[in-house]
Amino acid sequence: MPEETVEVALESFRRFDPADLEPFGRTLHPEAVMTAAEGWPETGPFIGREACVRQMGRLFDDWSDYRLADIEVVEGRGDWVLIAWTLHAKGRASGLDVRLDVVASMRIEDDQIKQAHYRWSADEAREAAGLASKSPDG
């Protein structure tokens, strides 16, 4: 697993703060492309650093008390890295607690995230990245 690729992806999590997305935005390539999981209200694609940052801001406008937990590197292949985590949040208007398990496939180019595909499972994230499943049974 290329250590530099993993480090760039993990840095995006360290910089992620919906109250100030500028540091997170600097981890994105100017031509970044993001997509969201099936069933998400806006799946994209979101093209360009500014569009990706705006989308992240829109997502977190409706939530409060959010935190990312259990961030784990699933695997790295060349310039791709898969990272899984759990998002805990509370609906700003509803007050409902939300827990989402997410996996992202991220392609790193020029020490920035060029592609990010957010999915519900590692296999879905691999598929979005065009990577074969890790094992024959998924």
Protein backbone atom coordinates (compact mmCIF):
# COMPACT_ATOMS: atom_id res chain seq x y z
CA MET A 1 0.00 0.00 0.00
CA PRO A 2 1.63 3.28 -1.09
CA GLU A 3 2.14 5.22 2.12
CA GLU A 4 1.98 8.64 0.41
CA THR A 5 -1.41 7.85 -1.13
CA VAL A 6 -2.83 6.73 2.19
CA GLU A 7 -1.41 9.79 3.97
CA VAL A 8 -3.08 12.21 1.51
CA ALA A 9 -6.44 10.47 1.98
CA LEU A 10 -6.13 10.46 5.78
CA GLU A 11 -5.11 14.12 5.79
CA SER A 12 -8.47 14.97 4.20
CA PHE A 13 -10.18 13.45 7.26
CA ARG A 14 -7.93 15.34 9.68
CA ARG A 15 -8.77 18.59 7.89
CA PHE A 16 -12.50 17.92 7.60
CA ASP A 17 -14.52 20.43 9.60
CA PRO A 18 -17.93 21.42 8.20
CA ALA A 19 -17.65 24.74 10.06
CA ASP A 20 -14.53 25.56 7.97
CA LEU A 21 -14.19 23.47 4.81
CA GLU A 22 -11.30 25.51 3.34
CA PRO A 23 -8.56 23.28 4.85
CA PHE A 24 -10.39 20.18 3.56
CA GLY A 25 -10.76 21.82 0.15
CA ARG A 26 -6.99 22.18 -0.13
CA THR A 27 -6.71 18.36 -0.10
CA LEU A 28 -8.77 18.24 -3.31
CA HIS A 29 -7.29 18.49 -6.79
CA PRO A 30 -8.60 21.54 -8.74
CA GLU A 31 -10.27 19.07 -11.16
CA ALA A 32 -11.61 16.77 -8.43
CA VAL A 33 -14.67 14.64 -9.10
CA MET A 34 -16.92 13.31 -6.31
CA THR A 35 -19.91 11.00 -6.40
CA ALA A 36 -22.25 9.84 -3.65
CA ALA A 37 -23.86 6.50 -2.92
CA GLU A 38 -27.05 5.30 -4.54
CA GLY A 39 -30.03 6.51 -2.53
CA TRP A 40 -28.28 9.68 -1.41
CA PRO A 41 -30.34 12.78 -2.29
CA GLU A 42 -27.66 14.29 -4.55
CA THR A 43 -25.34 11.72 -6.12
CA GLY A 44 -23.38 14.00 -8.43
CA PRO A 45 -21.00 13.93 -10.05
CA PHE A 46 -19.62 17.09 -8.50
CA ILE A 47 -16.82 18.37 -10.69
CA GLY A 48 -14.08 20.72 -9.57
CA ARG A 49 -12.74 21.58 -6.12
CA GLU A 50 -15.27 24.36 -5.50
CA ALA A 51 -18.26 22.22 -6.48
CA CYS A 52 -17.08 19.40 -4.19
CA VAL A 53 -16.58 21.75 -1.24
CA ARG A 54 -19.99 23.39 -1.82
CA GLN A 55 -21.65 19.96 -1.84
CA MET A 56 -19.99 19.00 1.44
CA GLY A 57 -21.20 22.28 2.94
CA ARG A 58 -24.77 21.61 1.75
CA LEU A 59 -24.72 18.15 3.28
CA PHE A 60 -23.72 19.37 6.71
CA ASP A 61 -26.08 22.37 6.76
CA ASP A 62 -28.87 20.00 7.81
CA TRP A 63 -26.90 18.24 10.58
CA SER A 64 -25.46 19.20 13.93
CA ASP A 65 -23.27 17.44 16.48
CA TYR A 66 -21.47 15.50 13.74
CA ARG A 67 -18.31 13.51 14.13
CA LEU A 68 -16.36 11.01 12.08
CA ALA A 69 -15.37 7.86 13.97
CA ASP A 70 -13.61 4.56 13.38
CA ILE A 71 -11.66 5.82 10.36
CA GLU A 72 -9.92 2.81 8.86
CA VAL A 73 -7.82 2.24 5.76
CA VAL A 74 -9.40 -0.74 4.02
CA GLU A 75 -6.81 -1.09 1.27
CA GLY A 76 -4.60 0.76 -1.13
CA ARG A 77 -3.93 -0.12 -4.76
CA GLY A 78 -1.58 2.08 -6.73
CA ASP A 79 -3.01 5.59 -6.69
CA TRP A 80 -6.31 4.42 -5.10
CA VAL A 81 -7.09 4.06 -1.40
CA LEU A 82 -10.30 2.82 0.24
CA ILE A 83 -11.20 4.28 3.61
CA ALA A 84 -14.15 3.31 5.82
CA TRP A 85 -15.64 5.33 8.67
CA THR A 86 -18.79 5.97 10.63
CA LEU A 87 -20.52 9.34 10.57
CA HIS A 88 -22.50 10.21 13.70
CA ALA A 89 -24.76 13.25 13.41
CA LYS A 90 -28.00 14.75 14.62
CA GLY A 91 -30.65 16.25 12.38
CA ARG A 92 -30.58 20.01 12.94
CA ALA A 93 -34.36 20.40 12.65
CA SER A 94 -35.53 16.92 13.68
CA GLY A 95 -33.04 16.19 16.45
CA LEU A 96 -32.88 12.58 15.19
CA ASP A 97 -29.60 10.73 15.66
CA VAL A 98 -28.00 9.49 12.46
CA ARG A 99 -25.33 6.84 12.06
CA LEU A 100 -23.97 6.14 8.58
CA ASP A 101 -21.27 3.63 7.71
CA VAL A 102 -19.45 4.90 4.64
CA VAL A 103 -16.58 3.72 2.44
CA ALA A 104 -14.82 5.99 -0.02
CA SER A 105 -12.54 5.09 -2.89
CA MET A 106 -10.11 7.97 -3.45
CA ARG A 107 -7.66 8.40 -6.31
CA ILE A 108 -4.66 10.53 -5.47
CA GLU A 109 -2.89 12.63 -8.09
CA ASP A 110 -0.29 15.33 -7.46
CA ASP A 111 -0.67 14.77 -3.69
CA GLN A 112 -4.37 15.70 -3.83
CA ILE A 113 -7.64 13.81 -4.13
CA LYS A 114 -8.57 13.68 -7.82
CA GLN A 115 -11.57 11.34 -7.45
CA ALA A 116 -13.69 10.39 -4.44
CA HIS A 117 -16.57 7.95 -4.63
CA TYR A 118 -18.59 7.63 -1.41
CA ARG A 119 -20.47 4.34 -1.07
CA TRP A 120 -22.15 2.09 1.52
CA SER A 121 -19.69 -0.82 1.21
CA ALA A 122 -16.12 -1.56 0.20
CA ASP A 123 -17.30 -3.57 -2.81
CA GLU A 124 -19.45 -0.66 -4.03
CA ALA A 125 -16.49 1.72 -3.54
CA ARG A 126 -14.20 -0.63 -5.49
CA GLU A 127 -16.77 -0.86 -8.29
CA ALA A 128 -17.10 2.94 -8.46
CA ALA A 129 -13.31 3.15 -8.80
CA GLY A 130 -13.23 0.48 -11.50
CA LEU A 131 -11.30 -1.89 -9.26
CA ALA A 132 -12.01 -5.60 -9.21
CA SER A 133 -13.45 -7.00 -6.01
CA LYS A 134 -10.79 -7.98 -3.47
CA SER A 135 -12.00 -11.59 -3.26
CA PRO A 136 -14.12 -13.78 -5.54
CA ASP A 137 -17.01 -13.72 -3.07
CA GLY A 138 -16.87 -9.95 -2.53
